[in-house]
């Protein structure tokens, strides 16, 4: 590598916050062969996506480049109910991509394949709401479009929220860190604050232009709540949507900094 309602809580209700102390020590390395993480965040649980949502993840792309278009970082990839962030291989470049409902959001900015795989971390965010649909990379809006407001296009079917896999045969060669869902659309300033010049922030605590703690729905810290061991990524919001690691991806002390 070089790189919810079922719990008796309303979908928009804030979960109890994680401890006030914050450090970022671990990420998870996926080898692109057969390992991934899966959380039982599916259709009815994500029924807010059409009205307001933010999906965020940090990724360090691996050397082994896939021979298919979308390099999935995290989300639900299923028919018309898409909800994910990823990178799109387009010729000799990578472009950030988000997808909400049946509406793709391919960023206009791009990185060369060599630049994307040189060990740098990228922060990729997709939002949807009254401010439209947007995809960001490293705090910069790379795509802007109209809101996807059709509630029939929320994530549907039986597929869960996955990290590091698209379908059962398309796996991601990357390090992934700090994956989160908000049940509101965060604005441009908040996304810039989350990027924080390349250093992840405590999403459970409002600070500066980030005021998203009250809408933090799920947050997978990729090892920091689990001491970098085991086969579970705890949902740091306390909401119970823990992710299970399949086929032994590796915890590592390599993080955005």
C-alpha atoms as a PDB file:
ATOM      1  CA  UNK A   1       0.000   0.000   0.000  1.00  0.00           C
ATOM      2  CA  UNK A   2       1.062   3.521  -0.774  1.00  0.00           C
ATOM      3  CA  UNK A   3      -0.897   4.832  -0.229  1.00  0.00           C
ATOM      4  CA  UNK A   4     -32.698   3.699  13.663  1.00  0.00           C
ATOM      5  CA  UNK A   5     -35.222   3.864  13.762  1.00  0.00           C
ATOM      6  CA  UNK A   6     -34.924   0.200  14.554  1.00  0.00           C
ATOM      7  CA  UNK A   7     -33.229   1.309  17.766  1.00  0.00           C
ATOM      8  CA  UNK A   8     -36.250   3.350  18.805  1.00  0.00           C
ATOM      9  CA  UNK A   9     -34.681   6.693  17.864  1.00  0.00           C
ATOM     10  CA  UNK A  10     -36.075   9.063  15.292  1.00  0.00           C
ATOM     11  CA  UNK A  11     -33.867   9.293  12.232  1.00  0.00           C
ATOM     12  CA  UNK A  12     -33.080  12.936  12.911  1.00  0.00           C
ATOM     13  CA  UNK A  13     -32.532  12.632  16.651  1.00  0.00           C
ATOM     14  CA  UNK A  14     -29.054  13.348  17.990  1.00  0.00           C
ATOM     15  CA  UNK A  15     -27.196  10.412  19.515  1.00  0.00           C
ATOM     16  CA  UNK A  16     -25.254  10.838  22.718  1.00  0.00           C
ATOM     17  CA  UNK A  17     -21.805  12.218  22.090  1.00  0.00           C
ATOM     18  CA  UNK A  18     -18.473  10.391  22.474  1.00  0.00           C
ATOM     19  CA  UNK A  19     -15.960  11.443  25.125  1.00  0.00           C
ATOM     20  CA  UNK A  20     -14.702  15.011  24.979  1.00  0.00           C
ATOM     21  CA  UNK A  21     -11.069  13.954  24.545  1.00  0.00           C
ATOM     22  CA  UNK A  22     -10.019  13.561  20.916  1.00  0.00           C
ATOM     23  CA  UNK A  23      -7.022  12.079  19.190  1.00  0.00           C
ATOM     24  CA  UNK A  24      -6.616  10.372  15.847  1.00  0.00           C
ATOM     25  CA  UNK A  25      -4.188   7.467  15.894  1.00  0.00           C
ATOM     26  CA  UNK A  26      -5.594   4.712  13.674  1.00  0.00           C
ATOM     27  CA  UNK A  27      -6.934   4.145  10.204  1.00  0.00           C
ATOM     28  CA  UNK A  28      -7.834   0.902   8.442  1.00  0.00           C
ATOM     29  CA  UNK A  29      -5.860  -0.429   5.481  1.00  0.00           C
ATOM     30  CA  UNK A  30      -7.916  -2.336   2.897  1.00  0.00           C
ATOM     31  CA  UNK A  31      -5.865  -4.457   0.505  1.00  0.00           C
ATOM     32  CA  UNK A  32      -8.213  -4.388  -2.487  1.00  0.00           C
ATOM     33  CA  UNK A  33      -8.535  -8.165  -2.487  1.00  0.00           C
ATOM     34  CA  UNK A  34     -11.549  -9.154  -0.398  1.00  0.00           C
ATOM     35  CA  UNK A  35     -11.642  -7.118   2.812  1.00  0.00           C
ATOM     36  CA  UNK A  36     -14.201  -4.462   3.745  1.00  0.00           C
ATOM     37  CA  UNK A  37     -16.333  -3.131   6.609  1.00  0.00           C
ATOM     38  CA  UNK A  38     -20.121  -3.313   6.845  1.00  0.00           C
ATOM     39  CA  UNK A  39     -22.619  -1.523   9.102  1.00  0.00           C
ATOM     40  CA  UNK A  40     -26.341  -2.220   9.305  1.00  0.00           C
ATOM     41  CA  UNK A  41     -27.294   1.252   8.131  1.00  0.00           C
ATOM     42  CA  UNK A  42     -29.774   0.611   5.353  1.00  0.00           C
ATOM     43  CA  UNK A  43     -32.936   1.770   3.659  1.00  0.00           C
ATOM     44  CA  UNK A  44     -35.392   3.068   6.295  1.00  0.00           C
ATOM     45  CA  UNK A  45     -32.612   4.245   8.600  1.00  0.00           C
ATOM     46  CA  UNK A  46     -31.363   6.679   5.939  1.00  0.00           C
ATOM     47  CA  UNK A  47     -34.765   8.115   5.078  1.00  0.00           C
ATOM     48  CA  UNK A  48     -33.440  11.669   5.592  1.00  0.00           C
ATOM     49  CA  UNK A  49     -31.029  11.596   2.649  1.00  0.00           C
ATOM     50  CA  UNK A  50     -33.390  13.376   0.231  1.00  0.00           C
ATOM     51  CA  UNK A  51     -34.007  16.276   2.625  1.00  0.00           C
ATOM     52  CA  UNK A  52     -30.549  16.850   4.073  1.00  0.00           C
ATOM     53  CA  UNK A  53     -27.385  14.782   4.485  1.00  0.00           C
ATOM     54  CA  UNK A  54     -23.595  14.898   4.548  1.00  0.00           C
ATOM     55  CA  UNK A  55     -21.299  11.920   3.976  1.00  0.00           C
ATOM     56  CA  UNK A  56     -17.596  12.367   4.678  1.00  0.00           C
ATOM     57  CA  UNK A  57     -14.490  10.165   4.573  1.00  0.00           C
ATOM     58  CA  UNK A  58     -10.711  10.406   4.410  1.00  0.00           C
ATOM     59  CA  UNK A  59      -8.874   8.167   1.943  1.00  0.00           C
ATOM     60  CA  UNK A  60      -5.292   7.396   0.934  1.00  0.00           C
ATOM     61  CA  UNK A  61      -5.399   5.586  -2.375  1.00  0.00           C
ATOM     62  CA  UNK A  62      -3.369   2.425  -2.935  1.00  0.00           C
ATOM     63  CA  UNK A  63      -0.997   1.561  -5.737  1.00  0.00           C
ATOM     64  CA  UNK A  64      -3.178  -1.180  -7.215  1.00  0.00           C
ATOM     65  CA  UNK A  65      -5.648   0.670  -9.404  1.00  0.00           C
ATOM     66  CA  UNK A  66      -9.000  -0.962 -10.150  1.00  0.00           C
ATOM     67  CA  UNK A  67     -10.048  -1.768 -13.677  1.00  0.00           C
ATOM     68  CA  UNK A  68     -13.524  -0.364 -13.138  1.00  0.00           C
ATOM     69  CA  UNK A  69     -14.812   3.198 -12.898  1.00  0.00           C
ATOM     70  CA  UNK A  70     -15.896   4.010  -9.343  1.00  0.00           C
ATOM     71  CA  UNK A  71     -13.473   3.369  -6.497  1.00  0.00           C
ATOM     72  CA  UNK A  72     -15.894   3.225  -3.563  1.00  0.00           C
ATOM     73  CA  UNK A  73     -14.736   4.738  -0.270  1.00  0.00           C
ATOM     74  CA  UNK A  74     -17.907   4.431   1.805  1.00  0.00           C
ATOM     75  CA  UNK A  75     -21.667   4.267   1.367  1.00  0.00           C
ATOM     76  CA  UNK A  76     -24.617   2.327   0.008  1.00  0.00           C
ATOM     77  CA  UNK A  77     -24.360   1.270  -3.631  1.00  0.00           C
ATOM     78  CA  UNK A  78     -27.671  -0.175  -4.754  1.00  0.00           C
ATOM     79  CA  UNK A  79     -29.877   0.589  -7.790  1.00  0.00           C
ATOM     80  CA  UNK A  80     -31.655   3.964  -7.485  1.00  0.00           C
ATOM     81  CA  UNK A  81     -30.898   4.264  -3.772  1.00  0.00           C
ATOM     82  CA  UNK A  82     -27.247   5.249  -3.972  1.00  0.00           C
ATOM     83  CA  UNK A  83     -25.563   7.127  -1.143  1.00  0.00           C
ATOM     84  CA  UNK A  84     -21.784   7.067  -1.330  1.00  0.00           C
ATOM     85  CA  UNK A  85     -18.500   8.891  -1.759  1.00  0.00           C
ATOM     86  CA  UNK A  86     -15.691   7.611  -3.905  1.00  0.00           C
ATOM     87  CA  UNK A  87     -13.152   8.348  -6.590  1.00  0.00           C
ATOM     88  CA  UNK A  88     -13.884   7.891 -10.299  1.00  0.00           C
ATOM     89  CA  UNK A  89     -11.154   6.652 -12.595  1.00  0.00           C
ATOM     90  CA  UNK A  90     -11.451   8.784 -15.721  1.00  0.00           C
ATOM     91  CA  UNK A  91      -8.730   8.146 -18.277  1.00  0.00           C
ATOM     92  CA  UNK A  92      -5.442   8.967 -16.570  1.00  0.00           C
ATOM     93  CA  UNK A  93      -7.024  10.900 -13.720  1.00  0.00           C
ATOM     94  CA  UNK A  94      -9.077  10.461 -10.543  1.00  0.00           C
ATOM     95  CA  UNK A  95     -12.115  12.617  -9.861  1.00  0.00           C
ATOM     96  CA  UNK A  96     -14.018  12.869  -6.571  1.00  0.00           C
ATOM     97  CA  UNK A  97     -17.545  11.529  -6.873  1.00  0.00           C
ATOM     98  CA  UNK A  98     -20.621  11.511  -4.679  1.00  0.00           C
ATOM     99  CA  UNK A  99     -23.970   9.908  -5.370  1.00  0.00           C
ATOM    100  CA  UNK A 100     -27.291  10.651  -3.673  1.00  0.00           C
ATOM    101  CA  UNK A 101     -30.427   8.822  -4.789  1.00  0.00           C
ATOM    102  CA  UNK A 102     -30.163   8.471  -8.549  1.00  0.00           C
ATOM    103  CA  UNK A 103     -28.101  11.627  -8.998  1.00  0.00           C
ATOM    104  CA  UNK A 104     -24.362  11.428  -9.537  1.00  0.00           C
ATOM    105  CA  UNK A 105     -22.053  14.261  -8.525  1.00  0.00           C
ATOM    106  CA  UNK A 106     -18.766  13.922 -10.402  1.00  0.00           C
ATOM    107  CA  UNK A 107     -16.259  16.593  -9.471  1.00  0.00           C
ATOM    108  CA  UNK A 108     -14.773  18.830 -12.138  1.00  0.00           C
ATOM    109  CA  UNK A 109     -11.383  18.836 -10.422  1.00  0.00           C
ATOM    110  CA  UNK A 110      -9.069  15.899 -10.917  1.00  0.00           C
ATOM    111  CA  UNK A 111      -5.791  14.370  -9.816  1.00  0.00           C
ATOM    112  CA  UNK A 112      -3.399  12.388 -11.950  1.00  0.00           C
ATOM    113  CA  UNK A 113      -3.266   8.711 -11.055  1.00  0.00           C
ATOM    114  CA  UNK A 114       0.295   9.112  -9.817  1.00  0.00           C
ATOM    115  CA  UNK A 115      -0.580  12.136  -7.672  1.00  0.00           C
ATOM    116  CA  UNK A 116      -3.580  10.371  -6.134  1.00  0.00           C
ATOM    117  CA  UNK A 117      -1.428   7.356  -5.252  1.00  0.00           C
ATOM    118  CA  UNK A 118       1.595   9.173  -3.835  1.00  0.00           C
ATOM    119  CA  UNK A 119       0.643   8.700  -0.201  1.00  0.00           C
ATOM    120  CA  UNK A 120      -1.430  11.842   0.298  1.00  0.00           C
ATOM    121  CA  UNK A 121      -4.731  11.802   2.154  1.00  0.00           C
ATOM    122  CA  UNK A 122      -7.841  13.153   0.479  1.00  0.00           C
ATOM    123  CA  UNK A 123     -10.996  14.325   2.253  1.00  0.00           C
ATOM    124  CA  UNK A 124     -14.054  13.544   0.104  1.00  0.00           C
ATOM    125  CA  UNK A 125     -17.520  14.822   1.056  1.00  0.00           C
ATOM    126  CA  UNK A 126     -20.966  14.588  -0.545  1.00  0.00           C
ATOM    127  CA  UNK A 127     -23.901  16.717   0.603  1.00  0.00           C
ATOM    128  CA  UNK A 128     -27.548  17.095  -0.400  1.00  0.00           C
ATOM    129  CA  UNK A 129     -30.225  19.514   0.772  1.00  0.00           C
ATOM    130  CA  UNK A 130     -31.750  22.919   0.174  1.00  0.00           C
ATOM    131  CA  UNK A 131     -28.312  24.184  -0.797  1.00  0.00           C
ATOM    132  CA  UNK A 132     -28.248  21.715  -3.690  1.00  0.00           C
ATOM    133  CA  UNK A 133     -26.046  18.684  -4.247  1.00  0.00           C
ATOM    134  CA  UNK A 134     -22.316  19.083  -3.789  1.00  0.00           C
ATOM    135  CA  UNK A 135     -19.126  17.037  -3.877  1.00  0.00           C
ATOM    136  CA  UNK A 136     -15.990  18.348  -2.194  1.00  0.00           C
ATOM    137  CA  UNK A 137     -12.383  17.277  -2.147  1.00  0.00           C
ATOM    138  CA  UNK A 138     -10.049  18.758   0.458  1.00  0.00           C
ATOM    139  CA  UNK A 139     -12.561  21.439   1.403  1.00  0.00           C
ATOM    140  CA  UNK A 140     -13.170  22.687  -2.145  1.00  0.00           C
ATOM    141  CA  UNK A 141     -16.512  22.234  -3.913  1.00  0.00           C
ATOM    142  CA  UNK A 142     -15.774  20.194  -7.035  1.00  0.00           C
ATOM    143  CA  UNK A 143     -19.402  19.733  -8.128  1.00  0.00           C
ATOM    144  CA  UNK A 144     -22.625  21.678  -7.513  1.00  0.00           C
ATOM    145  CA  UNK A 145     -26.097  20.699  -8.733  1.00  0.00           C
ATOM    146  CA  UNK A 146     -29.760  20.878  -7.779  1.00  0.00           C
ATOM    147  CA  UNK A 147     -31.138  19.112  -4.707  1.00  0.00           C
ATOM    148  CA  UNK A 148     -32.195  15.462  -4.966  1.00  0.00           C
ATOM    149  CA  UNK A 149     -35.506  15.787  -3.112  1.00  0.00           C
ATOM    150  CA  UNK A 150     -37.336  12.614  -4.176  1.00  0.00           C
ATOM    151  CA  UNK A 151     -37.805  10.460  -1.072  1.00  0.00           C
ATOM    152  CA  UNK A 152     -38.316   7.361  -3.238  1.00  0.00           C
ATOM    153  CA  UNK A 153     -34.632   7.678  -4.175  1.00  0.00           C
ATOM    154  CA  UNK A 154     -33.338   7.316  -0.631  1.00  0.00           C
ATOM    155  CA  UNK A 155     -31.048   4.279  -0.159  1.00  0.00           C
ATOM    156  CA  UNK A 156     -33.248   1.265  -0.775  1.00  0.00           C
ATOM    157  CA  UNK A 157     -33.107  -2.492  -0.810  1.00  0.00           C
ATOM    158  CA  UNK A 158     -31.270  -4.748   1.569  1.00  0.00           C
ATOM    159  CA  UNK A 159     -27.675  -3.578   1.127  1.00  0.00           C
ATOM    160  CA  UNK A 160     -25.959  -2.204   4.192  1.00  0.00           C
ATOM    161  CA  UNK A 161     -23.522   0.684   4.468  1.00  0.00           C
ATOM    162  CA  UNK A 162     -20.107  -0.535   3.339  1.00  0.00           C
ATOM    163  CA  UNK A 163     -16.602   0.837   3.611  1.00  0.00           C
ATOM    164  CA  UNK A 164     -14.006  -0.321   1.103  1.00  0.00           C
ATOM    165  CA  UNK A 165     -16.230  -2.335  -1.222  1.00  0.00           C
ATOM    166  CA  UNK A 166     -18.495  -1.798  -4.210  1.00  0.00           C
ATOM    167  CA  UNK A 167     -20.571  -4.899  -4.865  1.00  0.00           C
ATOM    168  CA  UNK A 168     -19.252  -8.270  -3.723  1.00  0.00           C
ATOM    169  CA  UNK A 169     -16.376  -8.415  -6.200  1.00  0.00           C
ATOM    170  CA  UNK A 170     -15.105  -4.827  -6.322  1.00  0.00           C
ATOM    171  CA  UNK A 171     -12.821  -4.049  -3.427  1.00  0.00           C
ATOM    172  CA  UNK A 172     -10.890  -0.911  -2.567  1.00  0.00           C
ATOM    173  CA  UNK A 173      -7.124  -0.728  -2.198  1.00  0.00           C
ATOM    174  CA  UNK A 174      -6.820   2.206   0.182  1.00  0.00           C
ATOM    175  CA  UNK A 175      -6.406   3.411   3.727  1.00  0.00           C
ATOM    176  CA  UNK A 176      -9.659   4.887   5.045  1.00  0.00           C
ATOM    177  CA  UNK A 177     -10.246   7.015   8.129  1.00  0.00           C
ATOM    178  CA  UNK A 178     -12.957   9.029   9.933  1.00  0.00           C
ATOM    179  CA  UNK A 179     -16.104   8.047   8.001  1.00  0.00           C
ATOM    180  CA  UNK A 180     -19.194   9.992   9.070  1.00  0.00           C
ATOM    181  CA  UNK A 181     -22.836  10.680   8.245  1.00  0.00           C
ATOM    182  CA  UNK A 182     -24.752  13.817   9.253  1.00  0.00           C
ATOM    183  CA  UNK A 183     -28.527  13.991   8.879  1.00  0.00           C
ATOM    184  CA  UNK A 184     -28.309  17.590   7.714  1.00  0.00           C
ATOM    185  CA  UNK A 185     -26.557  19.336   4.881  1.00  0.00           C
ATOM    186  CA  UNK A 186     -23.405  21.017   6.162  1.00  0.00           C
ATOM    187  CA  UNK A 187     -22.494  24.223   4.339  1.00  0.00           C
ATOM    188  CA  UNK A 188     -19.285  25.143   2.540  1.00  0.00           C
ATOM    189  CA  UNK A 189     -17.688  26.712   5.610  1.00  0.00           C
ATOM    190  CA  UNK A 190     -18.407  23.658   7.740  1.00  0.00           C
ATOM    191  CA  UNK A 191     -16.832  21.352   5.158  1.00  0.00           C
ATOM    192  CA  UNK A 192     -13.729  23.543   5.052  1.00  0.00           C
ATOM    193  CA  UNK A 193     -13.602  23.362   8.846  1.00  0.00           C
ATOM    194  CA  UNK A 194     -13.879  19.559   8.705  1.00  0.00           C
ATOM    195  CA  UNK A 195     -10.968  19.440   6.271  1.00  0.00           C
ATOM    196  CA  UNK A 196      -8.944  21.658   8.620  1.00  0.00           C
ATOM    197  CA  UNK A 197      -5.918  21.888   6.324  1.00  0.00           C
ATOM    198  CA  UNK A 198      -5.645  18.107   6.230  1.00  0.00           C
ATOM    199  CA  UNK A 199      -6.144  17.255   9.912  1.00  0.00           C
ATOM    200  CA  UNK A 200      -9.464  15.658  11.001  1.00  0.00           C
ATOM    201  CA  UNK A 201     -11.426  17.394  13.754  1.00  0.00           C
ATOM    202  CA  UNK A 202     -13.670  16.196  16.578  1.00  0.00           C
ATOM    203  CA  UNK A 203     -17.054  15.940  14.868  1.00  0.00           C
ATOM    204  CA  UNK A 204     -18.835  15.618  18.211  1.00  0.00           C
ATOM    205  CA  UNK A 205     -17.812  19.122  19.227  1.00  0.00           C
ATOM    206  CA  UNK A 206     -18.746  22.380  17.490  1.00  0.00           C
ATOM    207  CA  UNK A 207     -15.771  24.585  16.791  1.00  0.00           C
ATOM    208  CA  UNK A 208     -15.282  27.601  14.534  1.00  0.00           C
ATOM    209  CA  UNK A 209     -17.325  27.194  11.355  1.00  0.00           C
ATOM    210  CA  UNK A 210     -18.187  23.602  12.160  1.00  0.00           C
ATOM    211  CA  UNK A 211     -21.570  23.400  13.933  1.00  0.00           C
ATOM    212  CA  UNK A 212     -22.581  19.896  12.943  1.00  0.00           C
ATOM    213  CA  UNK A 213     -22.347  17.987  16.212  1.00  0.00           C
ATOM    214  CA  UNK A 214     -26.125  17.999  16.733  1.00  0.00           C
ATOM    215  CA  UNK A 215     -26.744  16.310  13.374  1.00  0.00           C
ATOM    216  CA  UNK A 216     -23.926  13.745  13.597  1.00  0.00           C
ATOM    217  CA  UNK A 217     -25.743  10.491  12.809  1.00  0.00           C
ATOM    218  CA  UNK A 218     -22.945   7.922  12.627  1.00  0.00           C
ATOM    219  CA  UNK A 219     -19.175   8.186  12.938  1.00  0.00           C
ATOM    220  CA  UNK A 220     -16.745   5.348  12.314  1.00  0.00           C
ATOM    221  CA  UNK A 221     -13.331   6.408  13.588  1.00  0.00           C
ATOM    222  CA  UNK A 222     -11.620   3.379  12.045  1.00  0.00           C
ATOM    223  CA  UNK A 223      -9.875   2.162  15.159  1.00  0.00           C
ATOM    224  CA  UNK A 224      -9.687   5.023  17.620  1.00  0.00           C
ATOM    225  CA  UNK A 225     -12.706   3.893  19.625  1.00  0.00           C
ATOM    226  CA  UNK A 226     -11.493   0.284  19.559  1.00  0.00           C
ATOM    227  CA  UNK A 227      -7.802   0.636  20.433  1.00  0.00           C
ATOM    228  CA  UNK A 228      -6.824  -0.531  16.972  1.00  0.00           C
ATOM    229  CA  UNK A 229      -7.800  -4.154  17.617  1.00  0.00           C
ATOM    230  CA  UNK A 230     -10.628  -6.577  16.988  1.00  0.00           C
ATOM    231  CA  UNK A 231     -13.127  -6.938  14.170  1.00  0.00           C
ATOM    232  CA  UNK A 232     -15.542  -4.114  15.021  1.00  0.00           C
ATOM    233  CA  UNK A 233     -15.504  -0.400  14.229  1.00  0.00           C
ATOM    234  CA  UNK A 234     -17.645   1.197  16.916  1.00  0.00           C
ATOM    235  CA  UNK A 235     -20.132   3.885  15.932  1.00  0.00           C
ATOM    236  CA  UNK A 236     -18.659   6.727  17.984  1.00  0.00           C
ATOM    237  CA  UNK A 237     -22.007   8.516  18.286  1.00  0.00           C
ATOM    238  CA  UNK A 238     -23.323   5.725  20.488  1.00  0.00           C
ATOM    239  CA  UNK A 239     -26.098   5.135  17.971  1.00  0.00           C
ATOM    240  CA  UNK A 240     -25.284   1.452  17.671  1.00  0.00           C
ATOM    241  CA  UNK A 241     -24.507   1.222  13.966  1.00  0.00           C
ATOM    242  CA  UNK A 242     -21.194  -0.525  14.546  1.00  0.00           C
ATOM    243  CA  UNK A 243     -19.324  -1.793  11.491  1.00  0.00           C
ATOM    244  CA  UNK A 244     -17.967  -5.327  11.210  1.00  0.00           C
ATOM    245  CA  UNK A 245     -14.606  -5.890   9.532  1.00  0.00           C
ATOM    246  CA  UNK A 246     -14.615  -8.765   7.056  1.00  0.00           C
ATOM    247  CA  UNK A 247     -11.573 -10.761   5.924  1.00  0.00           C
ATOM    248  CA  UNK A 248      -9.126  -9.014   8.235  1.00  0.00           C
ATOM    249  CA  UNK A 249      -8.296  -5.534   6.979  1.00  0.00           C
ATOM    250  CA  UNK A 250      -5.432  -4.051   8.985  1.00  0.00           C
ATOM    251  CA  UNK A 251      -5.440  -1.362  11.648  1.00  0.00           C
ATOM    252  CA  UNK A 252      -2.494   0.963  11.206  1.00  0.00           C
ATOM    253  CA  UNK A 253      -1.067   4.046  12.872  1.00  0.00           C
ATOM    254  CA  UNK A 254      -1.133   6.049   9.648  1.00  0.00           C
ATOM    255  CA  UNK A 255      -3.570   8.960   9.634  1.00  0.00           C
ATOM    256  CA  UNK A 256      -4.164  12.345   7.988  1.00  0.00           C
ATOM    257  CA  UNK A 257      -1.901  14.906   9.616  1.00  0.00           C
END
